[in-house]
Amino acid sequence: MAVFSRLLLILLFFELLFFELLIPVPADAKKHETGFLDRTISFQAANYKYQVFVPEDWTPHQKWPIILALHGAGERGDDGVLQTDVGIGTAIRTNRSAIRAIVVMPQCPKHLWWMLPPMDDLVMSTLEQAIKEFHGDTQHIYLTGLSMGGFGAWHLAEKYPGRFAALVVICGGIRPPAAARKAYPDLAKLTPPDLPKSYSEAAERVGKTPVWIFHGADDDIVPVTESRRMNEAMKRIGAEVLYTEYPGGTHASWERAYDEPKLFPWLFSKSLGVPSKTGSSRQTEHQAERRSMLWARAGTLGSRTWDSLNSFWQREGIRHHSRRRSDPVFWR
């Protein structure tokens, strides 16, 4: 009976496949936008432009890891593009294969900081919009930031504990430089006192989220002590912390940080709660090969054939398989 049922399923699959081939499929149904994409979000009666990077092999039929990336002060503006010129945007253009994720890159206006309202809520709304549009995996959401964005990353991690599977913070901290506090009085009001307990309390609010911290030892814009103190504070609460300090390194430590060969493998290994189907280690090589073979035979088809394939694979016990400006001074 089991053999007969399997044969029946296979015959049904090929019948559906043949039927789908007879139906013209619109060209736009076969293609998806990939690469760096322009997006806009309406927030509090204003429109904000941002960028999303989508891998070339993106498909809506699986969930994708998402990286939320916060830029530095030098990339503030309203063009929605400048933030891709530094940091993770450069890393993507250099080696796209290393970053197999949706990368969300909001842009902070020139007169604001990531730590100031309403930017934190805007960032999270942008993230939610991207998750919905690009089928983001909520178990694999990562947060990174450099310089001003590094301060924003710690701020968001404190405000939304347990939201991110891991953090990558580059030349950031919790106490912005004196020049920035002087230029932005509201920022000074949010800055905690220069006391050891400020870092301990910040770490407690972040919780045991894994974090990799980077900083240049000779950074003349953001004191390296900011990262050193957060590193020690996170260790004290038992969090998984990796700390890389570049001897002789200056402020632009992100150029080396995002180029670290172990960074993204480490990042993508982290997840919240029970791992999702994306990249599940439970899938055997045999199942993957079977699914790839069926997909190759199907070619580029419409959604009805995909649904038929998906149903067939589920019944067969085959899991999803996919192919696998330097920051200026803060007061400028």
Foldseek 3Di string as FASTA:
>chain_A
DVVVVLVVLVVVLVVLLVVQVVDDDDPVQLDDDAAKDWDWDQDPNDIAIAIKHADPQADLPDAFAEEEEEEFLVQAAGPRPSRLPAFVNVLCVVPVQLDNGIYIYTHHHNLDACLDPPNLVVSVVSVVVCCVVRVHDQFRYEYEYAHSGLLNRLNNLLVDAPRHQEYEHELYAPAADPLLCVLPVVSVVRGDDPDLVVLLVSLVSNDQREYEYEYECAEPARHPVRVVSNQVSNVVRPHHYHYYYHYVDYRSRSVVVSVPSCVSVVSRVTTHDDDDLVVDPPADPVLQVVLVVVDVVSDRTGDVSVVSSVVSSVVVVRGDDGPRPDHDHNND
